[in-house]
N, C-alpha and C. Protein backbone atom coordinates (compact mmCIF):
# COMPACT_ATOMS: atom_id res chain seq x y z
N MET A 1 81.74 47.83 26.25
CA MET A 1 83.01 48.02 25.25
C MET A 1 82.07 48.44 23.89
N SER A 2 82.37 49.12 23.37
CA SER A 2 82.07 49.49 21.81
C SER A 2 83.19 49.20 20.72
N MET A 3 82.95 48.73 19.67
CA MET A 3 83.84 48.74 18.79
C MET A 3 84.55 49.86 18.06
N ASP A 4 85.60 50.34 17.35
CA ASP A 4 86.19 51.03 16.47
C ASP A 4 86.00 50.81 15.47
N CYS A 5 86.06 52.02 14.44
CA CYS A 5 86.00 51.74 12.78
C CYS A 5 86.80 50.28 12.58
N LYS A 6 87.84 50.60 13.16
CA LYS A 6 88.80 49.19 12.50
C LYS A 6 88.34 48.01 12.69
N GLU A 7 87.93 47.98 13.86
CA GLU A 7 87.18 46.69 14.42
C GLU A 7 86.11 46.21 13.72
N VAL A 8 85.36 47.00 13.26
CA VAL A 8 84.14 46.86 12.58
C VAL A 8 84.33 46.47 11.39
N GLU A 9 85.51 46.94 10.50
CA GLU A 9 85.92 46.86 9.19
C GLU A 9 86.31 45.49 9.26
N LYS A 10 87.43 45.13 10.05
CA LYS A 10 87.79 43.53 10.07
C LYS A 10 86.51 42.78 10.20
N LYS A 11 85.12 43.05 11.14
CA LYS A 11 84.47 41.81 11.10
C LYS A 11 83.16 42.03 10.41
N ILE A 12 83.51 42.39 8.97
CA ILE A 12 82.39 42.73 7.84
C ILE A 12 82.49 41.73 7.78
N PRO A 13 83.45 40.78 6.71
CA PRO A 13 83.44 39.25 6.08
C PRO A 13 82.69 38.34 7.24
N SER A 14 83.02 38.43 8.60
CA SER A 14 82.07 37.66 9.01
C SER A 14 80.97 37.95 9.28
N PHE A 15 80.50 39.19 9.50
CA PHE A 15 78.85 39.38 9.45
C PHE A 15 78.35 39.32 8.21
N LEU A 16 79.36 39.17 7.05
CA LEU A 16 78.48 38.67 5.82
C LEU A 16 78.15 37.12 5.70
N GLN A 17 78.87 36.44 6.42
CA GLN A 17 79.12 35.08 6.22
C GLN A 17 78.37 34.83 7.12
N GLU A 18 77.59 35.45 8.28
CA GLU A 18 76.50 35.18 9.58
C GLU A 18 77.55 34.08 10.57
N GLU A 19 78.67 34.55 10.84
CA GLU A 19 79.51 34.08 11.90
C GLU A 19 79.76 35.01 12.43
N LEU A 20 78.97 35.96 12.89
CA LEU A 20 79.04 37.15 14.59
C LEU A 20 77.79 36.47 15.41
N GLY A 21 78.12 36.65 16.32
CA GLY A 21 76.83 36.08 17.53
C GLY A 21 76.92 37.21 18.62
N GLY A 22 76.03 37.16 19.70
CA GLY A 22 75.92 37.64 21.02
C GLY A 22 76.68 39.06 20.91
N VAL A 23 77.28 39.20 21.88
CA VAL A 23 77.81 40.60 21.90
C VAL A 23 78.57 41.10 20.87
N SER A 24 79.35 40.70 20.30
CA SER A 24 79.81 40.72 18.99
C SER A 24 78.88 41.41 18.04
N LEU A 25 77.85 40.78 17.75
CA LEU A 25 76.97 41.43 16.56
C LEU A 25 76.71 41.91 16.73
N GLU A 26 76.14 42.66 18.58
CA GLU A 26 75.34 43.97 18.95
C GLU A 26 76.28 45.00 18.76
N GLU A 27 77.77 44.85 19.40
CA GLU A 27 78.31 45.89 19.21
C GLU A 27 78.68 46.48 17.80
N PHE A 28 78.95 45.29 16.91
CA PHE A 28 78.72 45.61 15.16
C PHE A 28 77.42 46.34 14.67
N MET A 29 76.48 45.72 15.15
CA MET A 29 75.26 46.67 14.71
C MET A 29 75.43 48.15 15.27
N ALA A 30 75.61 47.86 16.67
CA ALA A 30 75.40 49.72 17.26
C ALA A 30 76.41 50.25 16.50
N HIS A 31 77.37 49.76 16.37
CA HIS A 31 78.39 50.74 15.21
C HIS A 31 78.15 51.06 14.27
N ILE A 32 77.61 50.12 13.45
CA ILE A 32 76.87 50.28 11.96
C ILE A 32 75.81 51.21 11.69
N GLU A 33 74.60 51.21 12.85
CA GLU A 33 74.17 52.13 12.91
C GLU A 33 74.46 53.65 13.64
N SER A 34 75.36 53.74 13.76
CA SER A 34 76.09 55.15 14.05
C SER A 34 77.14 55.71 13.32
N CYS A 35 77.66 54.73 12.29
CA CYS A 35 78.51 55.35 11.30
C CYS A 35 78.52 55.00 10.15
N PRO A 36 78.09 56.15 9.66
CA PRO A 36 78.14 56.46 7.86
C PRO A 36 79.01 55.92 7.47
N GLU A 37 80.44 56.09 7.63
CA GLU A 37 81.59 55.45 6.78
C GLU A 37 81.75 53.86 7.34
N CYS A 38 81.34 53.25 8.24
CA CYS A 38 81.22 51.91 8.39
C CYS A 38 80.32 51.17 7.61
N GLU A 39 78.96 51.94 7.65
CA GLU A 39 77.86 51.63 6.91
C GLU A 39 78.07 51.36 5.43
N GLU A 40 78.52 52.42 4.92
CA GLU A 40 79.18 52.54 3.49
C GLU A 40 80.13 51.20 3.19
N GLU A 41 81.08 50.90 4.04
CA GLU A 41 82.09 49.52 3.90
C GLU A 41 81.47 48.74 3.67
N LEU A 42 80.41 48.33 4.66
CA LEU A 42 79.61 47.22 4.95
C LEU A 42 78.79 46.92 3.46
N THR A 43 78.13 48.26 3.11
CA THR A 43 77.61 48.06 1.58
C THR A 43 78.30 47.76 0.44
N ILE A 44 79.53 48.55 0.65
CA ILE A 44 80.69 48.00 -0.73
C ILE A 44 81.16 46.64 -0.54
N GLN A 45 81.38 46.20 0.71
CA GLN A 45 82.06 44.86 0.91
C GLN A 45 80.74 43.66 0.48
N LEU A 46 79.68 43.84 0.88
CA LEU A 46 78.38 43.25 0.02
C LEU A 46 78.20 43.09 -1.15
N LEU A 47 78.25 44.12 -1.60
CA LEU A 47 78.32 44.48 -3.24
C LEU A 47 79.75 43.23 -3.90
N VAL A 48 80.45 43.59 -3.44
CA VAL A 48 81.76 42.69 -3.90
C VAL A 48 81.52 41.27 -3.59
N THR A 49 81.57 41.15 -2.46
CA THR A 49 81.09 39.80 -1.93
C THR A 49 79.84 39.16 -2.85
N GLU A 50 78.87 39.52 -2.83
CA GLU A 50 77.20 38.62 -3.03
C GLU A 50 77.24 39.28 -4.72
N GLY A 51 76.98 40.53 -4.72
CA GLY A 51 76.57 41.35 -5.71
C GLY A 51 76.94 40.87 -6.91
N LEU A 52 78.42 40.24 -6.96
CA LEU A 52 79.27 39.98 -8.36
C LEU A 52 79.09 38.57 -8.41
N GLU A 53 78.74 37.78 -7.30
CA GLU A 53 78.26 36.36 -7.42
C GLU A 53 77.04 36.27 -8.20
N HIS A 54 75.90 37.11 -7.55
CA HIS A 54 74.68 36.98 -8.58
C HIS A 54 74.58 37.73 -9.72
N LEU A 55 75.62 38.22 -10.17
CA LEU A 55 75.47 39.12 -11.36
C LEU A 55 76.09 37.83 -12.37
N GLU A 56 77.32 37.24 -11.85
CA GLU A 56 78.03 35.91 -12.77
C GLU A 56 76.90 34.95 -12.69
N GLU A 57 76.03 34.83 -11.86
CA GLU A 57 74.80 33.64 -12.21
C GLU A 57 73.81 34.08 -13.25
N GLY A 58 73.60 35.61 -13.45
CA GLY A 58 72.78 36.00 -14.17
C GLY A 58 71.58 36.50 -13.50
N ASN A 59 71.59 36.38 -12.38
CA ASN A 59 70.15 36.98 -11.28
C ASN A 59 70.19 38.38 -11.07
N ASN A 60 69.21 38.91 -11.14
CA ASN A 60 68.90 40.03 -10.86
C ASN A 60 69.59 40.80 -8.87
N PHE A 61 69.95 41.63 -8.97
CA PHE A 61 70.84 41.83 -7.60
C PHE A 61 70.25 43.38 -7.14
N ASN A 62 69.64 43.19 -6.08
CA ASN A 62 69.27 44.65 -5.48
C ASN A 62 70.08 45.02 -4.04
N LEU A 63 71.20 45.70 -4.42
CA LEU A 63 72.13 46.01 -2.75
C LEU A 63 71.28 46.48 -1.63
N GLN A 64 70.27 47.45 -2.18
CA GLN A 64 69.74 47.64 -0.57
C GLN A 64 68.86 46.87 0.00
N ASP A 65 67.79 46.24 -0.81
CA ASP A 65 67.07 44.96 -0.32
C ASP A 65 68.15 43.90 0.09
N GLU A 66 69.10 43.42 -0.27
CA GLU A 66 70.05 42.70 0.25
C GLU A 66 70.64 43.01 1.71
N LEU A 67 71.09 44.62 1.78
CA LEU A 67 71.76 45.11 2.96
C LEU A 67 70.73 45.33 3.82
N MET A 68 69.45 45.36 3.77
CA MET A 68 67.74 45.44 4.60
C MET A 68 68.08 44.16 5.31
N ILE A 69 68.12 43.24 4.37
CA ILE A 69 67.77 41.35 4.83
C ILE A 69 68.90 41.06 5.51
N LYS A 70 70.08 41.30 5.57
CA LYS A 70 71.16 41.38 6.03
C LYS A 70 70.86 41.81 7.39
N LEU A 71 70.64 43.21 7.48
CA LEU A 71 70.51 43.98 8.77
C LEU A 71 69.43 43.40 9.61
N GLU A 72 68.23 43.16 8.88
CA GLU A 72 67.10 42.75 10.06
C GLU A 72 67.51 41.19 10.09
N ASP A 73 67.90 40.46 9.49
CA ASP A 73 68.03 39.11 10.20
C ASP A 73 69.38 39.18 11.54
N ALA A 74 70.13 39.99 11.03
CA ALA A 74 71.31 40.49 12.35
C ALA A 74 70.42 40.96 13.28
N GLY A 75 69.29 41.75 13.22
CA GLY A 75 68.48 42.23 14.34
C GLY A 75 67.55 41.15 15.11
N HIS A 76 67.19 40.08 13.94
CA HIS A 76 66.25 38.97 14.55
C HIS A 76 67.39 38.14 15.81
N ARG A 77 68.46 38.21 15.30
CA ARG A 77 69.40 37.11 15.69
C ARG A 77 69.82 37.75 17.19
N ILE A 78 70.04 39.14 17.14
CA ILE A 78 70.32 39.39 18.42
C ILE A 78 69.00 39.54 19.53
N ARG A 79 67.66 39.76 18.87
CA ARG A 79 66.48 39.63 19.85
C ARG A 79 66.49 38.23 19.96
N VAL A 80 66.80 37.03 19.63
CA VAL A 80 66.38 35.76 20.06
C VAL A 80 67.88 35.44 21.06
N HIS A 81 69.19 35.96 20.71
CA HIS A 81 70.00 35.90 21.85
C HIS A 81 70.16 36.72 23.22
N ARG A 82 68.99 37.54 23.11
CA ARG A 82 68.81 38.70 24.48
C ARG A 82 67.55 37.49 25.02
N THR A 83 66.60 36.97 24.44
CA THR A 83 65.46 36.12 24.92
C THR A 83 66.28 35.16 25.65
N LEU A 84 66.86 34.29 25.00
CA LEU A 84 67.55 33.26 25.30
C LEU A 84 68.24 33.80 26.82
N LEU A 85 69.42 34.75 26.67
CA LEU A 85 70.11 34.94 27.79
C LEU A 85 69.16 35.35 29.08
N TYR A 86 67.96 35.91 28.88
CA TYR A 86 66.96 36.36 29.79
C TYR A 86 66.21 34.68 30.29
N ILE A 87 66.17 34.03 29.48
CA ILE A 87 65.35 32.80 29.76
C ILE A 87 66.63 31.90 30.67
N LEU A 88 67.50 31.57 30.58
CA LEU A 88 68.87 31.48 31.36
C LEU A 88 68.78 32.19 32.53
N PHE A 89 68.74 33.70 32.53
CA PHE A 89 69.13 34.29 33.83
C PHE A 89 67.46 33.90 34.75
N CYS A 90 66.40 33.63 34.14
CA CYS A 90 65.21 33.16 35.02
C CYS A 90 65.74 31.81 35.46
N LEU A 91 65.85 30.96 34.52
CA LEU A 91 66.39 29.65 35.17
C LEU A 91 67.02 29.65 36.22
N GLU A 92 68.29 30.26 35.81
CA GLU A 92 69.29 30.15 36.99
C GLU A 92 68.65 30.60 38.27
N ALA A 93 67.85 32.02 38.28
CA ALA A 93 67.28 32.43 39.71
C ALA A 93 66.09 31.29 40.47
N MET A 94 65.51 30.73 39.37
CA MET A 94 64.47 29.51 39.89
C MET A 94 65.40 28.41 40.73
N VAL A 95 66.39 28.21 40.16
CA VAL A 95 67.44 27.37 40.38
C VAL A 95 67.87 27.54 41.85
N ALA A 96 68.31 28.69 41.86
CA ALA A 96 68.87 29.09 43.40
C ALA A 96 67.68 29.14 44.48
N ALA A 97 66.77 29.90 43.86
CA ALA A 97 64.74 29.75 45.06
C ALA A 97 64.90 28.15 45.36
N ALA A 98 65.05 27.27 44.31
CA ALA A 98 65.04 25.99 44.66
C ALA A 98 65.82 25.34 46.05
N ILE A 99 67.02 25.73 45.66
CA ILE A 99 68.19 25.54 46.47
C ILE A 99 67.75 25.85 47.91
N ILE A 100 67.70 27.14 48.09
CA ILE A 100 67.11 27.81 49.17
C ILE A 100 65.58 27.26 49.95
N ILE A 101 64.73 27.00 49.44
CA ILE A 101 63.89 26.15 49.91
C ILE A 101 63.97 25.06 50.13
N ALA A 102 65.19 24.03 49.53
CA ALA A 102 65.30 22.67 49.88
C ALA A 102 66.37 22.95 51.40
N LEU A 103 67.11 24.04 51.25
CA LEU A 103 67.86 23.88 52.39
C LEU A 103 66.79 24.42 53.78
N CYS A 104 65.93 25.33 53.69
CA CYS A 104 65.02 25.72 54.23
C CYS A 104 64.54 24.33 55.34
N VAL A 105 64.04 23.70 54.15
CA VAL A 105 63.31 22.60 54.36
C VAL A 105 63.97 21.72 55.05
N VAL A 106 65.24 21.35 54.63
CA VAL A 106 66.20 20.41 55.27
C VAL A 106 66.92 20.97 56.69
N PHE A 107 67.07 21.86 56.99
CA PHE A 107 67.08 22.50 58.25
C PHE A 107 66.46 23.12 59.01
N ARG A 108 65.26 23.22 58.73
CA ARG A 108 63.73 23.22 59.06
C ARG A 108 63.90 25.34 59.87
N LEU A 109 64.40 25.79 58.70
CA LEU A 109 64.41 26.82 59.24
C LEU A 109 62.98 27.63 58.62
């Protein structure tokens, strides 16, 4: 199931706060990568939330760099999540195999 524009727009603040994870983050990123309007909305909200804060503190702020950092970080978190799911799947498969082997030994099959 993929997100529509309304869902993505509602989740932009959570994305900026790095509160999205797992499937929700993957669906969000997939939509952002394929929808220029939502990517623009993400850029605007990033500018409003983080850009103004940097400017008030007197720090330089490069919107494109900040956006790329956020998107790269999200991509990294997605890869970590997928890796952990793969490891979990492998562990579950090994446990199932161990149970089958144990049952074969106990019942001498």
